[in-house]
Amino acid sequence: MSGADKTAPVSVVVIMGVSSSGKTTTASLLSERLGWPFRDADSFHPPANVEKMSRGVPLTDADRAPWLEAIAAWIRQRIASGEPGIVTCSALKRAYRDVLMAGNDGARLVHLVGDRALIGDRMARRRDHFMPTSLLDSQFATLEPPAPEENVLSVPVSQSPAQVAETIIAALGLRKR
């Protein structure tokens, strides 16, 4: 399956990447600058998934299926209503991205990219989050880097969060609504 149509105007931005890559920070900055609503993917997880991850147990694809469908439904609803939106989702596998983007030509994936050392340092400094640092290696092992035909904007997170947000706004031609 190919990525979103790059000629379609972007109305939903999907921020993807491993845990601690800055998805929530970036989405919050974009929401603030653009005035677009933002939903964190964690809010779509059923309680059983959160409990499992809190114990350091990686989710299975079966665990993720209803979560991905709920996010995809939110994206479809935003596009159908003509309302912009921003959502975060790790979207580590191509199959997950295909679920999120299927038929959603107004959506665009943005991959926040960083190396293991940088992301590990960020994760170690996080407080009050259910994802333990022990799962970071499984996140990198699971990550299937986006292929060119997925039309994903990759942004390095070695720059400041403000620079990451500005890079996304400029590259996607986003405007305040």
C-alpha atoms as a PDB file:
ATOM      1  CA  MET A   1       0.000   0.000   0.000  1.00  0.00           C
ATOM      2  CA  SER A   2       1.363   3.400  -0.848  1.00  0.00           C
ATOM      3  CA  GLY A   3       1.393   6.408   1.456  1.00  0.00           C
ATOM      4  CA  ALA A   4      -0.892   9.393   1.372  1.00  0.00           C
ATOM      5  CA  ASP A   5      -1.276  11.389  -1.825  1.00  0.00           C
ATOM      6  CA  LYS A   6       1.375  14.105  -1.596  1.00  0.00           C
ATOM      7  CA  THR A   7      -0.776  16.471  -3.671  1.00  0.00           C
ATOM      8  CA  ALA A   8      -3.721  16.320  -1.242  1.00  0.00           C
ATOM      9  CA  PRO A   9      -3.804  19.174   1.273  1.00  0.00           C
ATOM     10  CA  VAL A  10      -2.691  17.972   4.703  1.00  0.00           C
ATOM     11  CA  SER A  11      -5.431  18.166   7.301  1.00  0.00           C
ATOM     12  CA  VAL A  12      -4.217  15.502   9.747  1.00  0.00           C
ATOM     13  CA  VAL A  13      -0.607  15.066  10.839  1.00  0.00           C
ATOM     14  CA  VAL A  14       0.372  11.692  12.303  1.00  0.00           C
ATOM     15  CA  ILE A  15       3.571  11.958  14.362  1.00  0.00           C
ATOM     16  CA  MET A  16       5.352   8.586  14.540  1.00  0.00           C
ATOM     17  CA  GLY A  17       8.517   7.239  16.151  1.00  0.00           C
ATOM     18  CA  VAL A  18       9.833   5.133  18.987  1.00  0.00           C
ATOM     19  CA  SER A  19       8.992   5.986  22.570  1.00  0.00           C
ATOM     20  CA  SER A  20      10.761   9.170  23.794  1.00  0.00           C
ATOM     21  CA  SER A  21      11.434  10.433  20.268  1.00  0.00           C
ATOM     22  CA  GLY A  22       9.386  13.535  21.103  1.00  0.00           C
ATOM     23  CA  LYS A  23       5.994  12.684  19.619  1.00  0.00           C
ATOM     24  CA  THR A  24       3.935  14.339  22.367  1.00  0.00           C
ATOM     25  CA  THR A  25       6.212  17.376  22.641  1.00  0.00           C
ATOM     26  CA  THR A  26       6.175  17.887  18.874  1.00  0.00           C
ATOM     27  CA  ALA A  27       2.414  17.378  18.572  1.00  0.00           C
ATOM     28  CA  SER A  28       1.804  19.812  21.446  1.00  0.00           C
ATOM     29  CA  LEU A  29       3.962  22.468  19.792  1.00  0.00           C
ATOM     30  CA  LEU A  30       2.227  21.959  16.446  1.00  0.00           C
ATOM     31  CA  SER A  31      -1.175  22.163  18.127  1.00  0.00           C
ATOM     32  CA  GLU A  32      -0.197  25.391  19.875  1.00  0.00           C
ATOM     33  CA  ARG A  33       1.240  27.014  16.740  1.00  0.00           C
ATOM     34  CA  LEU A  34      -1.464  25.888  14.336  1.00  0.00           C
ATOM     35  CA  GLY A  35      -4.489  25.906  16.628  1.00  0.00           C
ATOM     36  CA  TRP A  36      -5.240  22.309  15.597  1.00  0.00           C
ATOM     37  CA  PRO A  37      -6.589  19.755  18.107  1.00  0.00           C
ATOM     38  CA  PHE A  38      -4.186  17.043  19.255  1.00  0.00           C
ATOM     39  CA  ARG A  39      -4.827  13.484  20.470  1.00  0.00           C
ATOM     40  CA  ASP A  40      -2.116  11.341  21.983  1.00  0.00           C
ATOM     41  CA  ALA A  41      -2.158   7.719  20.810  1.00  0.00           C
ATOM     42  CA  ASP A  42      -1.885   6.585  24.422  1.00  0.00           C
ATOM     43  CA  SER A  43      -5.459   7.867  24.940  1.00  0.00           C
ATOM     44  CA  PHE A  44      -6.689   5.280  22.406  1.00  0.00           C
ATOM     45  CA  HIS A  45      -5.152   2.276  24.256  1.00  0.00           C
ATOM     46  CA  PRO A  46      -7.541   0.010  26.109  1.00  0.00           C
ATOM     47  CA  PRO A  47      -6.680  -0.343  29.843  1.00  0.00           C
ATOM     48  CA  ALA A  48      -5.352  -3.892  29.325  1.00  0.00           C
ATOM     49  CA  ASN A  49      -2.654  -2.567  26.964  1.00  0.00           C
ATOM     50  CA  VAL A  50      -1.547   0.132  29.422  1.00  0.00           C
ATOM     51  CA  GLU A  51      -1.390  -2.417  32.246  1.00  0.00           C
ATOM     52  CA  LYS A  52       0.671  -4.792  30.106  1.00  0.00           C
ATOM     53  CA  MET A  53       3.172  -2.095  29.102  1.00  0.00           C
ATOM     54  CA  SER A  54       3.386  -0.881  32.718  1.00  0.00           C
ATOM     55  CA  ARG A  55       4.640  -4.348  33.625  1.00  0.00           C
ATOM     56  CA  GLY A  56       7.277  -4.120  30.874  1.00  0.00           C
ATOM     57  CA  VAL A  57       5.481  -6.591  28.590  1.00  0.00           C
ATOM     58  CA  PRO A  58       5.584  -5.635  24.896  1.00  0.00           C
ATOM     59  CA  LEU A  59       2.240  -5.572  23.123  1.00  0.00           C
ATOM     60  CA  THR A  60       1.402  -8.148  20.464  1.00  0.00           C
ATOM     61  CA  ASP A  61      -0.057  -7.265  17.086  1.00  0.00           C
ATOM     62  CA  ALA A  62      -3.398  -8.610  18.376  1.00  0.00           C
ATOM     63  CA  ASP A  63      -3.170  -6.150  21.298  1.00  0.00           C
ATOM     64  CA  ARG A  64      -2.447  -3.303  18.887  1.00  0.00           C
ATOM     65  CA  ALA A  65      -5.202  -4.025  16.335  1.00  0.00           C
ATOM     66  CA  PRO A  66      -8.128  -2.302  18.129  1.00  0.00           C
ATOM     67  CA  TRP A  67      -5.823   0.563  19.145  1.00  0.00           C
ATOM     68  CA  LEU A  68      -4.717   1.187  15.548  1.00  0.00           C
ATOM     69  CA  GLU A  69      -8.308   0.946  14.276  1.00  0.00           C
ATOM     70  CA  ALA A  70      -9.434   3.527  16.861  1.00  0.00           C
ATOM     71  CA  ILE A  71      -6.712   5.953  15.746  1.00  0.00           C
ATOM     72  CA  ALA A  72      -7.525   5.352  12.056  1.00  0.00           C
ATOM     73  CA  ALA A  73     -11.220   6.022  12.785  1.00  0.00           C
ATOM     74  CA  TRP A  74     -10.288   9.329  14.469  1.00  0.00           C
ATOM     75  CA  ILE A  75      -8.196  10.306  11.422  1.00  0.00           C
ATOM     76  CA  ARG A  76     -11.067   9.412   9.055  1.00  0.00           C
ATOM     77  CA  GLN A  77     -13.524  11.414  11.160  1.00  0.00           C
ATOM     78  CA  ARG A  78     -11.275  14.511  11.119  1.00  0.00           C
ATOM     79  CA  ILE A  79     -10.816  14.321   7.345  1.00  0.00           C
ATOM     80  CA  ALA A  80     -14.529  13.653   6.677  1.00  0.00           C
ATOM     81  CA  SER A  81     -15.556  16.620   8.828  1.00  0.00           C
ATOM     82  CA  GLY A  82     -12.994  18.914   7.198  1.00  0.00           C
ATOM     83  CA  GLU A  83     -11.420  19.559  10.583  1.00  0.00           C
ATOM     84  CA  PRO A  84      -7.638  19.483  11.011  1.00  0.00           C
ATOM     85  CA  GLY A  85      -5.941  17.378  13.661  1.00  0.00           C
ATOM     86  CA  ILE A  86      -2.700  16.018  15.000  1.00  0.00           C
ATOM     87  CA  VAL A  87      -2.284  12.547  16.453  1.00  0.00           C
ATOM     88  CA  THR A  88       0.723  10.659  17.755  1.00  0.00           C
ATOM     89  CA  CYS A  89       1.309   6.958  17.200  1.00  0.00           C
ATOM     90  CA  SER A  90       4.504   4.944  17.340  1.00  0.00           C
ATOM     91  CA  ALA A  91       3.489   3.259  14.025  1.00  0.00           C
ATOM     92  CA  LEU A  92       6.663   1.185  14.122  1.00  0.00           C
ATOM     93  CA  LYS A  93       5.664  -1.385  11.487  1.00  0.00           C
ATOM     94  CA  ARG A  94       4.630  -0.820   7.905  1.00  0.00           C
ATOM     95  CA  ALA A  95       1.457  -2.824   8.537  1.00  0.00           C
ATOM     96  CA  TYR A  96       0.497  -0.418  11.352  1.00  0.00           C
ATOM     97  CA  ARG A  97       1.090   2.603   9.126  1.00  0.00           C
ATOM     98  CA  ASP A  98      -0.983   0.986   6.381  1.00  0.00           C
ATOM     99  CA  VAL A  99      -3.938   0.680   8.806  1.00  0.00           C
ATOM    100  CA  LEU A 100      -3.594   4.316   9.853  1.00  0.00           C
ATOM    101  CA  MET A 101      -3.235   5.747   6.362  1.00  0.00           C
ATOM    102  CA  ALA A 102      -5.643   3.539   4.347  1.00  0.00           C
ATOM    103  CA  GLY A 103      -7.867   5.883   2.370  1.00  0.00           C
ATOM    104  CA  ASN A 104      -6.736   8.890   4.381  1.00  0.00           C
ATOM    105  CA  ASP A 105      -5.278  11.067   1.619  1.00  0.00           C
ATOM    106  CA  GLY A 106      -5.579  14.160   3.825  1.00  0.00           C
ATOM    107  CA  ALA A 107      -3.254  12.618   6.427  1.00  0.00           C
ATOM    108  CA  ARG A 108       0.533  12.732   6.406  1.00  0.00           C
ATOM    109  CA  LEU A 109       3.013  10.726   8.466  1.00  0.00           C
ATOM    110  CA  VAL A 110       5.960  12.477  10.122  1.00  0.00           C
ATOM    111  CA  HIS A 111       8.709  10.190  11.438  1.00  0.00           C
ATOM    112  CA  LEU A 112      10.757  11.587  14.325  1.00  0.00           C
ATOM    113  CA  VAL A 113      14.213  10.073  13.903  1.00  0.00           C
ATOM    114  CA  GLY A 114      16.954   9.730  16.516  1.00  0.00           C
ATOM    115  CA  ASP A 115      19.678   7.251  17.367  1.00  0.00           C
ATOM    116  CA  ARG A 116      19.503   4.774  20.273  1.00  0.00           C
ATOM    117  CA  ALA A 117      21.820   6.825  22.521  1.00  0.00           C
ATOM    118  CA  LEU A 118      19.854  10.064  22.174  1.00  0.00           C
ATOM    119  CA  ILE A 119      16.468   8.391  22.613  1.00  0.00           C
ATOM    120  CA  GLY A 120      17.713   6.268  25.524  1.00  0.00           C
ATOM    121  CA  ASP A 121      18.946   9.387  27.319  1.00  0.00           C
ATOM    122  CA  ARG A 122      15.577  11.090  26.810  1.00  0.00           C
ATOM    123  CA  MET A 123      13.703   8.040  28.034  1.00  0.00           C
ATOM    124  CA  ALA A 124      15.855   7.752  31.161  1.00  0.00           C
ATOM    125  CA  ARG A 125      14.929  11.345  32.102  1.00  0.00           C
ATOM    126  CA  ARG A 126      11.152  10.856  31.721  1.00  0.00           C
ATOM    127  CA  ARG A 127       9.008  10.659  34.821  1.00  0.00           C
ATOM    128  CA  ASP A 128       5.490   9.368  35.341  1.00  0.00           C
ATOM    129  CA  HIS A 129       5.202   7.483  32.053  1.00  0.00           C
ATOM    130  CA  PHE A 130       4.075   3.877  31.749  1.00  0.00           C
ATOM    131  CA  MET A 131       6.744   2.893  29.183  1.00  0.00           C
ATOM    132  CA  PRO A 132       9.844   1.588  31.023  1.00  0.00           C
ATOM    133  CA  THR A 133      13.319   2.024  29.522  1.00  0.00           C
ATOM    134  CA  SER A 134      13.568  -1.764  29.287  1.00  0.00           C
ATOM    135  CA  LEU A 135      11.226  -1.670  26.282  1.00  0.00           C
ATOM    136  CA  LEU A 136      13.309   0.754  24.208  1.00  0.00           C
ATOM    137  CA  ASP A 137      15.413  -1.974  22.596  1.00  0.00           C
ATOM    138  CA  SER A 138      12.227  -3.803  21.556  1.00  0.00           C
ATOM    139  CA  GLN A 139      10.952  -0.543  20.026  1.00  0.00           C
ATOM    140  CA  PHE A 140      14.092  -0.154  17.889  1.00  0.00           C
ATOM    141  CA  ALA A 141      14.022  -3.862  16.983  1.00  0.00           C
ATOM    142  CA  THR A 142      10.385  -3.558  15.868  1.00  0.00           C
ATOM    143  CA  LEU A 143      10.855  -0.319  13.897  1.00  0.00           C
ATOM    144  CA  GLU A 144      10.558  -0.830  10.156  1.00  0.00           C
ATOM    145  CA  PRO A 145      11.884   2.438   8.711  1.00  0.00           C
ATOM    146  CA  PRO A 146       9.378   3.964   6.298  1.00  0.00           C
ATOM    147  CA  ALA A 147       9.901   3.178   2.620  1.00  0.00           C
ATOM    148  CA  PRO A 148       9.985   5.974   0.012  1.00  0.00           C
ATOM    149  CA  GLU A 149       6.566   5.056  -1.397  1.00  0.00           C
ATOM    150  CA  GLU A 150       5.009   5.703   2.031  1.00  0.00           C
ATOM    151  CA  ASN A 151       5.598   9.438   1.506  1.00  0.00           C
ATOM    152  CA  VAL A 152       6.752   9.952   5.107  1.00  0.00           C
ATOM    153  CA  LEU A 153       8.453  13.159   6.207  1.00  0.00           C
ATOM    154  CA  SER A 154      11.470  12.203   8.357  1.00  0.00           C
ATOM    155  CA  VAL A 155      12.672  14.834  10.823  1.00  0.00           C
ATOM    156  CA  PRO A 156      15.785  14.458  13.016  1.00  0.00           C
ATOM    157  CA  VAL A 157      15.126  15.008  16.720  1.00  0.00           C
ATOM    158  CA  SER A 158      18.704  16.042  17.401  1.00  0.00           C
ATOM    159  CA  GLN A 159      17.478  19.601  16.807  1.00  0.00           C
ATOM    160  CA  SER A 160      15.369  21.490  19.370  1.00  0.00           C
ATOM    161  CA  PRO A 161      11.656  20.700  19.696  1.00  0.00           C
ATOM    162  CA  ALA A 162      10.852  24.172  18.319  1.00  0.00           C
ATOM    163  CA  GLN A 163      13.028  23.496  15.267  1.00  0.00           C
ATOM    164  CA  VAL A 164      11.365  20.104  14.763  1.00  0.00           C
ATOM    165  CA  ALA A 165       7.915  21.746  14.804  1.00  0.00           C
ATOM    166  CA  GLU A 166       8.998  24.525  12.433  1.00  0.00           C
ATOM    167  CA  THR A 167      10.548  21.982  10.046  1.00  0.00           C
ATOM    168  CA  ILE A 168       7.240  20.081   9.909  1.00  0.00           C
ATOM    169  CA  ILE A 169       5.153  23.233   9.398  1.00  0.00           C
ATOM    170  CA  ALA A 170       7.391  24.422   6.569  1.00  0.00           C
ATOM    171  CA  ALA A 171       7.827  21.036   4.856  1.00  0.00           C
ATOM    172  CA  LEU A 172       4.090  20.249   4.873  1.00  0.00           C
ATOM    173  CA  GLY A 173       2.938  23.800   4.165  1.00  0.00           C
ATOM    174  CA  LEU A 174       0.720  23.811   7.255  1.00  0.00           C
ATOM    175  CA  ARG A 175      -1.319  26.869   8.168  1.00  0.00           C
ATOM    176  CA  LYS A 176      -3.131  28.096  11.211  1.00  0.00           C
ATOM    177  CA  ARG A 177      -6.877  27.451  10.958  1.00  0.00           C
END
